[in-house]
């Protein structure tokens, strides 16, 4: 929004009047916007700065455009003089030395926001949204600026809400489905991904604190077929890391804030991971470990058995030593006079 020099002078006068009114009445001045030119009646957001000499005396503003420009300047001028927590309220003796810097109008762009709150799964209609001025330097990613982008004329199919939205919240493409797309799990699966359900309980499900949108590491505990007799019982192994949850029981809405003991969680994985998880679930027990929102570390390969858990050395292997069987010797004895002769013969 651009305001000419005449409009700037009017805004300075509005700011001074608001400060003077505050000194007398100790409250903000009500501005009759119909008394001002059209440019000063447009919805805008501003910052008003107050100085005494070269020293800052107060500065108040907003990045959300929600009222006419003249009313916004008056409100922020009063705030800069009497409500800036860094300074004490302006006194009458300071008024003569106080100077108001020309109000700075924040560059804005028209953006669609919500008219009323909508929950997950509800249909988004034209009457549910409106366009407002939004600071150009703080535009949310995936916002809608044009009606045809949000409600395409060539596609009358409805959109549905994927994440709960409150009044005045910007409508973004990640919070609504594409036209005609269902708000179910299929809309949350990226190309090449599959939904797979994992059975959990209060222990394996992180005490009920799992919510759609969280990421988890998955551990398998069980016995490995073919291990020798010196093996140490069950083994726990990290089999998948950073897996996204897309549903907890039958809830796919991530805005639920209370703990909930779930019986199943649904994860988004590729077909290879589906096979691995199905095999793991049928041959052992699975446990989930919640990953922090800002944790981008990559977990190492982890495998723990009873001996490594307790720090025990591997049991020495005992080898049996067998004596070689003695060779059987067969003989016959023959007497020759007073001499006995022993002759070796084949054993039968």
Foldseek 3Di string as FASTA:
>chain_A
DDDDPVRLVVLQVLLLVQQVCCQVPVDGDDDDPVVDDPQQFAFFWWKKWKDQVPHTQFIDIDQFGDGGNSSNSSVNSNCRQPPHPVHHHHHPVRSVRMGIDRIDTADWAWFKWAQAKDAFQAWDDPVGIDIDTGRPVDDDPQTDRDPCVQCPPVANAIKTALAIHGGRHTDGDVGIADGPDGSDCVRVADPQKDKDKDFDFCQLVVNQQDFAFWFKWKKFKADDPPDDPLDFGIKIWTDGGRWGWQAFARDRYRPDGDGDTGGMTMTIGGPVVNVVVVVRRVGTHMGIDTDDPPDPDDDDTDMDGPCVVVVHDRDDDDDDDDDDDDDDWDWDWDDDDPDIDIGTDDDD
